[in-house]
């Protein structure tokens, strides 16, 4: 079972429907207590970094999410949900993130149209289970004004180019993030969610032994 975190900042139903479309059972979770019943987790997000962290804090999500990730369960952040995986966000001043990945989230430099909105290609930087079956330079749908700067180059799985090259997929161990919206990215977005779903099922099978 895949849990989708409802903290008032996400595009929940479309993520749930996309998972169901590719054959994976998902549940929208309104309380940290619900984490006990799921094998993997998706943290969606739309809006500002500080607002998201405030909403996670007021919902008592922060420590349970960190513990869930550190216990080895598959964990995927989407869009703003990817950004809050990092240590610090610079939107409206500096704010602490979940700190599951090292690095910070910064604003696109002036010059281009902000937000970066629409379809853009992924350049694979290294092999990843999350990108299996997805050709290099496939298109995905983005909407964001800030981007991640991981401290570890090895945490960048795929990049995209919007005047500057920025990380589009990040990951370390069992914690992954996609800057784009896979649920809005047609066949390749569904392939990424399929890959994540298979990973969750494998984890659940191993854990049950």
N, C-alpha and C. Protein backbone atom coordinates (compact mmCIF):
# COMPACT_ATOMS: atom_id res chain seq x y z
N UNK A 1 0.84 -1.20 0.00
CA UNK A 1 0.00 0.00 0.00
C UNK A 1 0.88 1.26 0.00
N UNK A 2 0.55 2.22 -0.86
CA UNK A 2 1.28 3.48 -0.93
C UNK A 2 0.44 4.56 -0.26
N UNK A 3 1.04 5.27 0.67
CA UNK A 3 0.36 6.38 1.33
C UNK A 3 0.69 7.70 0.64
N UNK A 4 -0.30 8.58 0.55
CA UNK A 4 -0.11 9.94 0.01
C UNK A 4 -0.41 10.92 1.13
N UNK A 5 0.56 11.74 1.50
CA UNK A 5 0.43 12.61 2.66
C UNK A 5 -0.46 13.81 2.35
N UNK A 6 -1.53 13.95 3.13
CA UNK A 6 -2.43 15.10 3.00
C UNK A 6 -2.12 16.09 4.12
N UNK A 7 -1.38 17.16 3.76
CA UNK A 7 -1.11 18.20 4.74
C UNK A 7 -1.64 19.55 4.24
N UNK A 8 -2.58 19.47 3.30
CA UNK A 8 -3.24 20.67 2.81
C UNK A 8 -2.49 21.41 1.73
N UNK A 9 -1.43 20.80 1.15
CA UNK A 9 -0.60 21.51 0.17
C UNK A 9 -0.35 20.69 -1.09
N UNK A 10 -1.22 19.72 -1.38
CA UNK A 10 -0.85 18.83 -2.49
C UNK A 10 -1.98 18.55 -3.45
N UNK A 11 -1.57 18.00 -4.57
CA UNK A 11 -2.48 17.63 -5.65
C UNK A 11 -2.82 16.14 -5.45
N UNK A 12 -3.56 15.83 -4.37
CA UNK A 12 -3.63 14.46 -3.87
C UNK A 12 -4.40 13.52 -4.79
N UNK A 13 -5.58 13.94 -5.18
CA UNK A 13 -6.47 13.04 -5.91
C UNK A 13 -5.85 12.64 -7.25
N UNK A 14 -5.19 13.56 -7.92
CA UNK A 14 -4.61 13.21 -9.22
C UNK A 14 -3.45 12.23 -9.07
N UNK A 15 -2.69 12.34 -7.96
CA UNK A 15 -1.62 11.37 -7.70
C UNK A 15 -2.23 10.00 -7.41
N UNK A 16 -3.26 9.98 -6.58
CA UNK A 16 -3.94 8.72 -6.25
C UNK A 16 -4.50 8.05 -7.50
N UNK A 17 -5.15 8.84 -8.36
CA UNK A 17 -5.75 8.29 -9.59
C UNK A 17 -4.67 7.75 -10.53
N UNK A 18 -3.55 8.47 -10.63
CA UNK A 18 -2.46 8.01 -11.50
C UNK A 18 -1.91 6.67 -11.00
N UNK A 19 -1.74 6.52 -9.69
CA UNK A 19 -1.25 5.25 -9.14
C UNK A 19 -2.24 4.12 -9.41
N UNK A 20 -3.53 4.43 -9.21
CA UNK A 20 -4.56 3.41 -9.46
C UNK A 20 -4.57 3.01 -10.94
N UNK A 21 -4.33 3.98 -11.81
CA UNK A 21 -4.32 3.71 -13.26
C UNK A 21 -3.24 2.70 -13.63
N UNK A 22 -2.11 2.75 -12.93
CA UNK A 22 -1.02 1.81 -13.23
C UNK A 22 -1.04 0.60 -12.30
N UNK A 23 -2.12 0.44 -11.54
CA UNK A 23 -2.34 -0.81 -10.83
C UNK A 23 -1.86 -0.89 -9.40
N UNK A 24 -1.66 0.27 -8.75
CA UNK A 24 -1.18 0.25 -7.37
C UNK A 24 -2.21 0.88 -6.43
N UNK A 25 -2.41 0.22 -5.31
CA UNK A 25 -3.36 0.71 -4.33
C UNK A 25 -2.72 1.86 -3.55
N UNK A 26 -3.49 2.93 -3.41
CA UNK A 26 -2.98 4.10 -2.69
C UNK A 26 -4.05 4.58 -1.72
N UNK A 27 -3.59 5.24 -0.66
CA UNK A 27 -4.52 5.80 0.30
C UNK A 27 -4.06 7.21 0.68
N UNK A 28 -5.00 8.13 0.77
CA UNK A 28 -4.68 9.50 1.20
C UNK A 28 -4.71 9.52 2.72
N UNK A 29 -3.60 9.95 3.32
CA UNK A 29 -3.44 9.91 4.77
C UNK A 29 -3.60 11.30 5.36
N UNK A 30 -4.50 11.43 6.32
CA UNK A 30 -4.77 12.73 6.94
C UNK A 30 -4.11 12.85 8.30
N UNK A 31 -3.47 11.79 8.78
CA UNK A 31 -2.87 11.81 10.11
C UNK A 31 -1.59 10.99 10.12
N UNK A 32 -0.58 11.42 10.90
CA UNK A 32 0.67 10.65 10.99
C UNK A 32 0.44 9.22 11.49
N UNK A 33 -0.63 8.99 12.25
CA UNK A 33 -0.92 7.65 12.75
C UNK A 33 -1.15 6.67 11.59
N UNK A 34 -1.59 7.20 10.45
CA UNK A 34 -1.87 6.34 9.28
C UNK A 34 -0.60 5.72 8.68
N UNK A 35 0.56 6.23 9.05
CA UNK A 35 1.82 5.73 8.48
C UNK A 35 2.05 4.25 8.80
N UNK A 36 1.48 3.79 9.90
CA UNK A 36 1.70 2.39 10.30
C UNK A 36 1.18 1.41 9.26
N UNK A 37 0.20 1.80 8.47
CA UNK A 37 -0.42 0.87 7.54
C UNK A 37 0.13 0.89 6.13
N UNK A 38 1.19 1.66 5.85
CA UNK A 38 1.66 1.78 4.46
C UNK A 38 3.11 1.30 4.33
N UNK A 39 3.45 0.86 3.12
CA UNK A 39 4.80 0.35 2.84
C UNK A 39 5.69 1.40 2.18
N UNK A 40 5.08 2.34 1.47
CA UNK A 40 5.82 3.42 0.81
C UNK A 40 5.01 4.69 0.89
N UNK A 41 5.66 5.81 0.60
CA UNK A 41 5.04 7.10 0.84
C UNK A 41 5.33 8.08 -0.28
N UNK A 42 4.30 8.85 -0.65
CA UNK A 42 4.49 9.97 -1.57
C UNK A 42 4.12 11.25 -0.85
N UNK A 43 5.02 12.22 -0.92
CA UNK A 43 4.78 13.55 -0.34
C UNK A 43 4.61 14.53 -1.50
N UNK A 44 3.36 14.88 -1.86
CA UNK A 44 3.16 15.85 -2.94
C UNK A 44 3.32 17.27 -2.40
N UNK A 45 3.17 18.26 -3.24
CA UNK A 45 3.24 19.62 -2.74
C UNK A 45 3.09 20.66 -3.83
N UNK A 46 2.32 21.70 -3.50
CA UNK A 46 2.13 22.85 -4.39
C UNK A 46 2.18 24.08 -3.51
N UNK A 47 2.95 25.10 -3.91
CA UNK A 47 2.98 26.33 -3.12
C UNK A 47 4.38 26.68 -2.67
N UNK A 48 4.48 27.31 -1.50
CA UNK A 48 5.75 27.85 -0.99
C UNK A 48 6.35 26.93 0.06
N UNK A 49 7.69 26.89 0.08
CA UNK A 49 8.46 26.04 0.98
C UNK A 49 8.08 26.28 2.44
N UNK A 50 8.08 27.55 2.87
CA UNK A 50 7.80 27.87 4.28
C UNK A 50 6.39 27.44 4.66
N UNK A 51 5.42 27.67 3.79
CA UNK A 51 4.03 27.28 4.07
C UNK A 51 3.92 25.75 4.21
N UNK A 52 4.63 25.04 3.35
CA UNK A 52 4.58 23.58 3.40
C UNK A 52 5.15 23.08 4.73
N UNK A 53 6.29 23.62 5.15
CA UNK A 53 6.90 23.17 6.41
C UNK A 53 6.02 23.54 7.60
N UNK A 54 5.39 24.70 7.52
CA UNK A 54 4.48 25.12 8.60
C UNK A 54 3.28 24.16 8.69
N UNK A 55 2.74 23.79 7.51
CA UNK A 55 1.60 22.87 7.49
C UNK A 55 2.01 21.48 7.99
N UNK A 56 3.19 21.01 7.60
CA UNK A 56 3.68 19.72 8.10
C UNK A 56 3.88 19.76 9.61
N UNK A 57 4.40 20.88 10.09
CA UNK A 57 4.63 21.04 11.53
C UNK A 57 3.32 21.07 12.31
N UNK A 58 2.36 21.85 11.82
CA UNK A 58 1.09 21.96 12.55
C UNK A 58 0.31 20.65 12.52
N UNK A 59 0.53 19.84 11.47
CA UNK A 59 -0.11 18.53 11.40
C UNK A 59 0.65 17.43 12.12
N UNK A 60 1.76 17.80 12.78
CA UNK A 60 2.61 16.86 13.54
C UNK A 60 3.21 15.78 12.63
N UNK A 61 3.52 16.18 11.39
CA UNK A 61 4.04 15.21 10.41
C UNK A 61 5.57 15.10 10.44
N UNK A 62 6.27 16.13 10.87
CA UNK A 62 7.71 16.21 10.58
C UNK A 62 8.49 15.02 11.13
N UNK A 63 8.44 14.76 12.43
CA UNK A 63 9.21 13.65 13.00
C UNK A 63 8.75 12.29 12.47
N UNK A 64 7.42 12.04 12.37
CA UNK A 64 7.00 10.76 11.80
C UNK A 64 7.50 10.54 10.37
N UNK A 65 7.51 11.59 9.54
CA UNK A 65 8.01 11.44 8.16
C UNK A 65 9.50 11.13 8.16
N UNK A 66 10.26 11.82 8.99
CA UNK A 66 11.71 11.58 9.06
C UNK A 66 11.98 10.14 9.53
N UNK A 67 11.24 9.71 10.55
CA UNK A 67 11.42 8.34 11.06
C UNK A 67 11.04 7.31 10.00
N UNK A 68 9.95 7.56 9.28
CA UNK A 68 9.50 6.65 8.23
C UNK A 68 10.59 6.50 7.16
N UNK A 69 11.15 7.64 6.73
CA UNK A 69 12.20 7.60 5.71
C UNK A 69 13.45 6.89 6.23
N UNK A 70 13.81 7.17 7.47
CA UNK A 70 15.05 6.59 8.02
C UNK A 70 14.90 5.11 8.33
N UNK A 71 13.67 4.63 8.37
CA UNK A 71 13.45 3.19 8.63
C UNK A 71 13.65 2.37 7.35
N UNK A 72 13.87 3.05 6.21
CA UNK A 72 14.16 2.34 4.96
C UNK A 72 13.00 2.21 4.01
N UNK A 73 11.81 2.68 4.39
CA UNK A 73 10.66 2.61 3.49
C UNK A 73 10.88 3.50 2.26
N UNK A 74 10.41 3.07 1.08
CA UNK A 74 10.48 3.93 -0.11
C UNK A 74 9.69 5.23 0.11
N UNK A 75 10.31 6.33 -0.27
CA UNK A 75 9.76 7.66 0.01
C UNK A 75 10.00 8.53 -1.22
N UNK A 76 8.92 9.10 -1.78
CA UNK A 76 9.04 9.93 -2.99
C UNK A 76 8.39 11.28 -2.76
N UNK A 77 9.16 12.35 -2.94
CA UNK A 77 8.62 13.71 -2.89
C UNK A 77 8.36 14.21 -4.31
N UNK A 78 7.24 14.90 -4.51
CA UNK A 78 6.87 15.43 -5.83
C UNK A 78 6.77 16.94 -5.76
N UNK A 79 7.47 17.63 -6.69
CA UNK A 79 7.45 19.09 -6.83
C UNK A 79 7.88 19.75 -5.50
N UNK A 80 7.00 20.50 -4.85
CA UNK A 80 7.36 21.10 -3.56
C UNK A 80 7.69 20.01 -2.54
N UNK A 81 7.02 18.86 -2.67
CA UNK A 81 7.33 17.73 -1.79
C UNK A 81 8.75 17.23 -1.95
N UNK A 82 9.33 17.39 -3.14
CA UNK A 82 10.74 17.09 -3.34
C UNK A 82 11.60 18.15 -2.67
N UNK A 83 11.22 19.41 -2.82
CA UNK A 83 12.06 20.49 -2.29
C UNK A 83 12.20 20.43 -0.77
N UNK A 84 11.11 20.08 -0.07
CA UNK A 84 11.19 20.06 1.39
C UNK A 84 11.98 18.87 1.92
N UNK A 85 12.41 17.95 1.04
CA UNK A 85 13.30 16.88 1.47
C UNK A 85 14.67 17.43 1.85
N UNK A 86 15.02 18.61 1.34
CA UNK A 86 16.35 19.18 1.56
C UNK A 86 16.44 19.91 2.91
N UNK A 87 17.65 20.35 3.23
CA UNK A 87 17.90 20.93 4.55
C UNK A 87 17.33 22.34 4.71
N UNK A 88 17.44 23.14 3.62
CA UNK A 88 17.07 24.57 3.73
C UNK A 88 16.38 25.02 2.45
N UNK A 89 15.34 25.84 2.59
CA UNK A 89 14.71 26.51 1.46
C UNK A 89 14.85 28.01 1.60
N UNK A 90 15.11 28.72 0.50
CA UNK A 90 15.37 30.16 0.55
C UNK A 90 14.16 31.00 0.15
N UNK A 91 12.98 30.39 0.01
CA UNK A 91 11.79 31.13 -0.40
C UNK A 91 11.27 31.94 0.79
N UNK A 92 11.16 33.27 0.61
CA UNK A 92 10.71 34.17 1.70
C UNK A 92 11.59 34.02 2.95
N UNK A 93 12.91 34.08 2.76
CA UNK A 93 13.84 33.89 3.87
C UNK A 93 14.23 32.43 4.01
N UNK A 94 15.20 32.16 4.87
CA UNK A 94 15.68 30.78 5.04
C UNK A 94 14.77 30.01 5.98
N UNK A 95 14.42 28.81 5.56
CA UNK A 95 13.56 27.95 6.38
C UNK A 95 14.10 26.53 6.34
N UNK A 96 14.04 25.85 7.49
CA UNK A 96 14.52 24.47 7.58
C UNK A 96 13.55 23.53 6.88
N UNK A 97 14.11 22.56 6.13
CA UNK A 97 13.32 21.51 5.52
C UNK A 97 13.40 20.23 6.35
N UNK A 98 13.06 19.11 5.74
CA UNK A 98 13.09 17.84 6.47
C UNK A 98 14.51 17.32 6.67
N UNK A 99 15.45 17.77 5.82
CA UNK A 99 16.84 17.36 5.99
C UNK A 99 17.13 15.91 5.64
N UNK A 100 16.29 15.32 4.81
CA UNK A 100 16.53 13.93 4.38
C UNK A 100 17.55 13.85 3.26
N UNK A 101 17.72 14.95 2.52
CA UNK A 101 18.77 15.08 1.52
C UNK A 101 19.58 16.33 1.85
N UNK A 102 20.88 16.28 1.57
CA UNK A 102 21.74 17.43 1.89
C UNK A 102 21.69 18.46 0.76
N UNK A 103 21.54 19.73 1.14
CA UNK A 103 21.51 20.80 0.15
C UNK A 103 20.42 21.81 0.45
N UNK A 104 20.26 22.74 -0.50
CA UNK A 104 19.29 23.81 -0.29
C UNK A 104 18.48 24.05 -1.55
N UNK A 105 17.40 24.80 -1.39
CA UNK A 105 16.49 25.10 -2.50
C UNK A 105 16.54 26.60 -2.74
N UNK A 106 16.89 27.00 -3.97
CA UNK A 106 17.15 28.41 -4.30
C UNK A 106 16.30 28.84 -5.49
N UNK A 107 16.20 30.16 -5.69
CA UNK A 107 15.37 30.70 -6.75
C UNK A 107 16.12 30.68 -8.09
N UNK A 108 15.38 30.48 -9.17
CA UNK A 108 15.97 30.62 -10.49
C UNK A 108 16.54 32.03 -10.65
N UNK A 109 17.69 32.17 -11.31
CA UNK A 109 18.24 33.51 -11.52
C UNK A 109 17.34 34.34 -12.43
N UNK A 110 17.41 35.66 -12.31
CA UNK A 110 16.60 36.51 -13.19
C UNK A 110 17.00 36.34 -14.65
N UNK A 111 16.07 36.62 -15.54
CA UNK A 111 16.35 36.52 -16.97
C UNK A 111 15.31 35.70 -17.68
N UNK A 112 15.03 34.52 -17.16
CA UNK A 112 14.01 33.68 -17.76
C UNK A 112 12.64 33.97 -17.17
N UNK A 113 11.61 33.43 -17.80
CA UNK A 113 10.26 33.59 -17.29
C UNK A 113 10.07 32.67 -16.07
N UNK A 114 9.59 33.26 -14.98
CA UNK A 114 9.39 32.50 -13.75
C UNK A 114 7.91 32.56 -13.41
N UNK A 115 7.24 31.46 -13.07
CA UNK A 115 7.83 30.13 -12.88
C UNK A 115 8.19 29.42 -14.18
N UNK A 116 9.07 28.44 -14.03
CA UNK A 116 9.33 27.49 -15.12
C UNK A 116 8.09 26.61 -15.19
N UNK A 117 7.33 26.75 -16.28
CA UNK A 117 6.03 26.09 -16.35
C UNK A 117 5.85 25.47 -17.73
N UNK A 118 5.55 24.17 -17.74
CA UNK A 118 5.32 23.49 -19.01
C UNK A 118 6.21 22.26 -19.15
N UNK A 119 6.30 21.79 -20.39
CA UNK A 119 7.01 20.54 -20.68
C UNK A 119 8.50 20.79 -20.89
N UNK A 120 9.31 19.90 -20.33
CA UNK A 120 10.76 19.99 -20.51
C UNK A 120 11.33 18.57 -20.45
N UNK A 121 12.55 18.44 -21.00
CA UNK A 121 13.15 17.10 -21.10
C UNK A 121 14.02 16.78 -19.89
N UNK A 122 14.18 15.49 -19.65
CA UNK A 122 15.09 14.99 -18.61
C UNK A 122 16.36 14.47 -19.27
N UNK A 123 17.50 14.84 -18.70
CA UNK A 123 18.78 14.23 -19.09
C UNK A 123 19.20 13.30 -17.96
N UNK A 124 19.34 12.02 -18.26
CA UNK A 124 19.73 11.06 -17.22
C UNK A 124 21.19 11.30 -16.84
N UNK A 125 21.44 11.41 -15.54
CA UNK A 125 22.81 11.62 -15.05
C UNK A 125 23.44 10.31 -14.58
N UNK A 126 22.60 9.40 -14.10
CA UNK A 126 23.09 8.10 -13.64
C UNK A 126 21.92 7.12 -13.64
N UNK A 127 22.21 5.82 -13.67
CA UNK A 127 21.13 4.84 -13.69
C UNK A 127 20.34 4.91 -12.38
N UNK A 128 19.05 4.66 -12.49
CA UNK A 128 18.20 4.65 -11.30
C UNK A 128 17.00 3.76 -11.54
N UNK A 129 16.63 3.05 -10.53
CA UNK A 129 15.43 2.21 -10.61
C UNK A 129 14.19 3.05 -10.92
N UNK A 130 14.19 4.29 -10.46
CA UNK A 130 13.03 5.16 -10.66
C UNK A 130 12.83 5.51 -12.13
N UNK A 131 13.92 5.47 -12.93
CA UNK A 131 13.83 5.88 -14.34
C UNK A 131 13.89 4.69 -15.31
N UNK A 132 13.75 3.48 -14.79
CA UNK A 132 13.79 2.30 -15.67
C UNK A 132 12.68 2.38 -16.73
N UNK A 133 13.06 2.12 -17.97
CA UNK A 133 12.09 2.13 -19.06
C UNK A 133 11.74 3.51 -19.59
N UNK A 134 12.36 4.55 -19.05
CA UNK A 134 12.09 5.92 -19.49
C UNK A 134 13.27 6.40 -20.34
N UNK A 135 13.06 6.66 -21.62
CA UNK A 135 14.18 7.07 -22.47
C UNK A 135 14.77 8.42 -22.04
N UNK A 136 16.06 8.56 -22.25
CA UNK A 136 16.71 9.86 -22.05
C UNK A 136 16.03 10.90 -22.94
N UNK A 137 15.91 12.12 -22.43
CA UNK A 137 15.29 13.25 -23.14
C UNK A 137 13.76 13.11 -23.28
N UNK A 138 13.14 12.28 -22.44
CA UNK A 138 11.68 12.23 -22.40
C UNK A 138 11.15 13.52 -21.75
N UNK A 139 9.92 13.89 -22.12
CA UNK A 139 9.31 15.12 -21.62
C UNK A 139 8.48 14.89 -20.35
N UNK A 140 8.59 15.86 -19.43
CA UNK A 140 7.81 15.86 -18.20
C UNK A 140 7.27 17.26 -17.94
N UNK A 141 6.23 17.35 -17.10
CA UNK A 141 5.54 18.62 -16.88
C UNK A 141 5.99 19.27 -15.57
N UNK A 142 6.50 20.50 -15.69
CA UNK A 142 7.06 21.24 -14.54
C UNK A 142 6.23 22.49 -14.23
N UNK A 143 6.18 22.84 -12.94
CA UNK A 143 5.68 24.16 -12.50
C UNK A 143 6.46 24.51 -11.23
N UNK A 144 7.46 25.40 -11.33
CA UNK A 144 8.21 25.77 -10.12
C UNK A 144 9.04 27.03 -10.39
N UNK A 145 9.31 27.76 -9.31
CA UNK A 145 10.13 28.98 -9.36
C UNK A 145 11.47 28.79 -8.65
N UNK A 146 11.59 27.71 -7.89
CA UNK A 146 12.80 27.41 -7.13
C UNK A 146 13.29 26.03 -7.54
N UNK A 147 14.58 25.78 -7.31
CA UNK A 147 15.14 24.48 -7.68
C UNK A 147 16.15 24.04 -6.61
N UNK A 148 16.40 22.75 -6.57
CA UNK A 148 17.29 22.19 -5.55
C UNK A 148 18.75 22.30 -5.98
N UNK A 149 19.60 22.54 -4.99
CA UNK A 149 21.05 22.46 -5.17
C UNK A 149 21.60 21.43 -4.18
N UNK A 150 21.62 20.15 -4.57
CA UNK A 150 22.13 19.13 -3.64
C UNK A 150 23.60 19.35 -3.32
N UNK A 151 23.97 19.09 -2.07
CA UNK A 151 25.39 19.17 -1.68
C UNK A 151 26.20 18.07 -2.35
N UNK A 152 25.55 16.92 -2.55
CA UNK A 152 26.23 15.77 -3.14
C UNK A 152 25.81 15.62 -4.60
N UNK A 153 26.77 15.75 -5.50
CA UNK A 153 26.46 15.61 -6.91
C UNK A 153 25.87 14.22 -7.22
N UNK A 154 26.28 13.24 -6.43
CA UNK A 154 25.81 11.88 -6.66
C UNK A 154 24.31 11.72 -6.39
N UNK A 155 23.72 12.68 -5.69
CA UNK A 155 22.27 12.63 -5.41
C UNK A 155 21.43 13.11 -6.60
N UNK A 156 22.09 13.61 -7.67
CA UNK A 156 21.35 14.06 -8.86
C UNK A 156 21.21 12.88 -9.82
N UNK A 157 19.97 12.46 -10.03
CA UNK A 157 19.68 11.29 -10.88
C UNK A 157 19.42 11.73 -12.32
N UNK A 158 18.72 12.87 -12.47
CA UNK A 158 18.44 13.42 -13.80
C UNK A 158 18.35 14.93 -13.68
N UNK A 159 18.67 15.61 -14.77
CA UNK A 159 18.63 17.08 -14.76
C UNK A 159 17.76 17.57 -15.91
N UNK A 160 17.43 18.86 -15.82
CA UNK A 160 16.70 19.52 -16.89
C UNK A 160 17.34 20.89 -17.09
N UNK A 161 17.02 21.54 -18.19
CA UNK A 161 17.67 22.81 -18.52
C UNK A 161 16.62 23.90 -18.73
N UNK A 162 16.73 24.95 -17.91
CA UNK A 162 15.85 26.11 -18.09
C UNK A 162 16.71 27.37 -17.93
N UNK A 163 17.59 27.57 -18.92
CA UNK A 163 18.56 28.66 -18.80
C UNK A 163 19.76 28.24 -17.97
N UNK A 164 19.50 27.53 -16.89
CA UNK A 164 20.55 26.84 -16.14
C UNK A 164 20.13 25.36 -16.04
N UNK A 165 21.12 24.52 -15.83
CA UNK A 165 20.84 23.10 -15.63
C UNK A 165 20.50 22.90 -14.15
N UNK A 166 19.38 22.24 -13.88
CA UNK A 166 18.97 22.04 -12.49
C UNK A 166 18.55 20.58 -12.29
N UNK A 167 18.59 20.08 -11.05
CA UNK A 167 18.20 18.70 -10.79
C UNK A 167 16.69 18.50 -10.97
N UNK A 168 16.33 17.50 -11.74
CA UNK A 168 14.91 17.19 -11.96
C UNK A 168 14.48 15.94 -11.21
N UNK A 169 15.43 15.01 -11.00
CA UNK A 169 15.19 13.84 -10.15
C UNK A 169 16.39 13.72 -9.22
N UNK A 170 16.11 13.57 -7.94
CA UNK A 170 17.17 13.42 -6.94
C UNK A 170 16.89 12.15 -6.14
N UNK A 171 17.93 11.63 -5.50
CA UNK A 171 17.69 10.45 -4.69
C UNK A 171 18.92 9.98 -3.95
N UNK A 172 18.66 9.38 -2.80
CA UNK A 172 19.73 8.78 -2.00
C UNK A 172 19.11 7.65 -1.19
N UNK A 173 19.67 6.46 -1.32
CA UNK A 173 19.14 5.28 -0.62
C UNK A 173 17.66 5.10 -0.95
N UNK A 174 16.78 5.25 0.02
CA UNK A 174 15.34 5.01 -0.20
C UNK A 174 14.53 6.29 -0.36
N UNK A 175 15.19 7.44 -0.40
CA UNK A 175 14.50 8.73 -0.47
C UNK A 175 14.74 9.36 -1.84
N UNK A 176 13.64 9.67 -2.55
CA UNK A 176 13.73 10.18 -3.91
C UNK A 176 12.83 11.39 -4.10
N UNK A 177 13.14 12.20 -5.08
CA UNK A 177 12.30 13.35 -5.37
C UNK A 177 12.24 13.62 -6.86
N UNK A 178 11.08 14.08 -7.32
CA UNK A 178 10.88 14.50 -8.71
C UNK A 178 10.41 15.95 -8.70
N UNK A 179 11.12 16.83 -9.38
CA UNK A 179 10.73 18.23 -9.41
C UNK A 179 9.48 18.45 -10.26
N UNK A 180 9.29 17.60 -11.25
CA UNK A 180 8.11 17.70 -12.13
C UNK A 180 6.93 16.98 -11.49
N UNK A 181 5.79 17.02 -12.18
CA UNK A 181 4.58 16.31 -11.73
C UNK A 181 4.41 15.04 -12.56
N UNK A 182 4.80 13.87 -12.04
CA UNK A 182 4.63 12.64 -12.83
C UNK A 182 3.16 12.37 -13.14
N UNK A 183 2.27 12.76 -12.23
CA UNK A 183 0.84 12.49 -12.44
C UNK A 183 0.25 13.31 -13.58
N UNK A 184 1.01 14.35 -14.05
CA UNK A 184 0.55 15.17 -15.18
C UNK A 184 1.43 14.98 -16.41
N UNK A 185 2.32 13.98 -16.35
CA UNK A 185 3.37 13.84 -17.38
C UNK A 185 3.15 12.68 -18.34
N UNK A 186 1.87 12.33 -18.57
CA UNK A 186 1.53 11.34 -19.59
C UNK A 186 2.28 10.03 -19.39
N UNK A 187 2.67 9.33 -20.49
CA UNK A 187 3.15 7.96 -20.30
C UNK A 187 4.40 7.84 -19.46
N UNK A 188 5.34 8.78 -19.59
CA UNK A 188 6.61 8.62 -18.86
C UNK A 188 6.42 8.93 -17.38
N UNK A 189 5.52 9.83 -17.06
CA UNK A 189 5.20 10.07 -15.65
C UNK A 189 4.56 8.84 -15.02
N UNK A 190 3.68 8.19 -15.78
CA UNK A 190 3.05 6.96 -15.27
C UNK A 190 4.09 5.85 -15.13
N UNK A 191 5.08 5.84 -16.03
CA UNK A 191 6.15 4.83 -15.92
C UNK A 191 6.95 5.05 -14.63
N UNK A 192 7.24 6.31 -14.31
CA UNK A 192 7.98 6.60 -13.07
C UNK A 192 7.17 6.13 -11.86
N UNK A 193 5.86 6.39 -11.85
CA UNK A 193 5.02 5.95 -10.73
C UNK A 193 4.93 4.42 -10.68
N UNK A 194 4.92 3.78 -11.85
CA UNK A 194 4.96 2.31 -11.90
C UNK A 194 6.25 1.79 -11.26
N UNK A 195 7.38 2.41 -11.61
CA UNK A 195 8.67 2.00 -11.04
C UNK A 195 8.66 2.16 -9.52
N UNK A 196 8.10 3.27 -9.05
CA UNK A 196 8.03 3.50 -7.61
C UNK A 196 7.13 2.45 -6.95
N UNK A 197 5.98 2.17 -7.58
CA UNK A 197 5.05 1.18 -7.04
C UNK A 197 5.68 -0.20 -6.93
N UNK A 198 6.44 -0.59 -7.95
CA UNK A 198 7.13 -1.90 -7.92
C UNK A 198 8.16 -1.94 -6.79
N UNK A 199 8.84 -0.83 -6.61
CA UNK A 199 9.84 -0.72 -5.54
C UNK A 199 9.16 -0.88 -4.18
N UNK A 200 8.00 -0.25 -4.01
CA UNK A 200 7.26 -0.38 -2.75
C UNK A 200 6.82 -1.83 -2.53
N UNK A 201 6.32 -2.47 -3.58
CA UNK A 201 5.89 -3.87 -3.45
C UNK A 201 7.06 -4.79 -3.09
N UNK A 202 8.21 -4.54 -3.70
CA UNK A 202 9.40 -5.35 -3.39
C UNK A 202 9.81 -5.15 -1.93
N UNK A 203 9.76 -3.90 -1.48
CA UNK A 203 10.12 -3.59 -0.10
C UNK A 203 9.15 -4.31 0.85
N UNK A 204 7.84 -4.26 0.54
CA UNK A 204 6.84 -4.90 1.39
C UNK A 204 7.07 -6.41 1.45
N UNK A 205 7.40 -7.02 0.30
CA UNK A 205 7.63 -8.47 0.26
C UNK A 205 8.84 -8.85 1.11
N UNK A 206 9.92 -8.06 1.02
CA UNK A 206 11.11 -8.31 1.81
C UNK A 206 10.84 -8.15 3.29
N UNK A 207 10.06 -7.11 3.64
CA UNK A 207 9.78 -6.82 5.04
C UNK A 207 8.93 -7.88 5.71
N UNK A 208 8.13 -8.58 4.89
CA UNK A 208 7.21 -9.56 5.47
C UNK A 208 7.89 -10.89 5.79
N UNK A 209 9.13 -11.07 5.29
CA UNK A 209 9.84 -12.34 5.55
C UNK A 209 10.47 -12.32 6.94
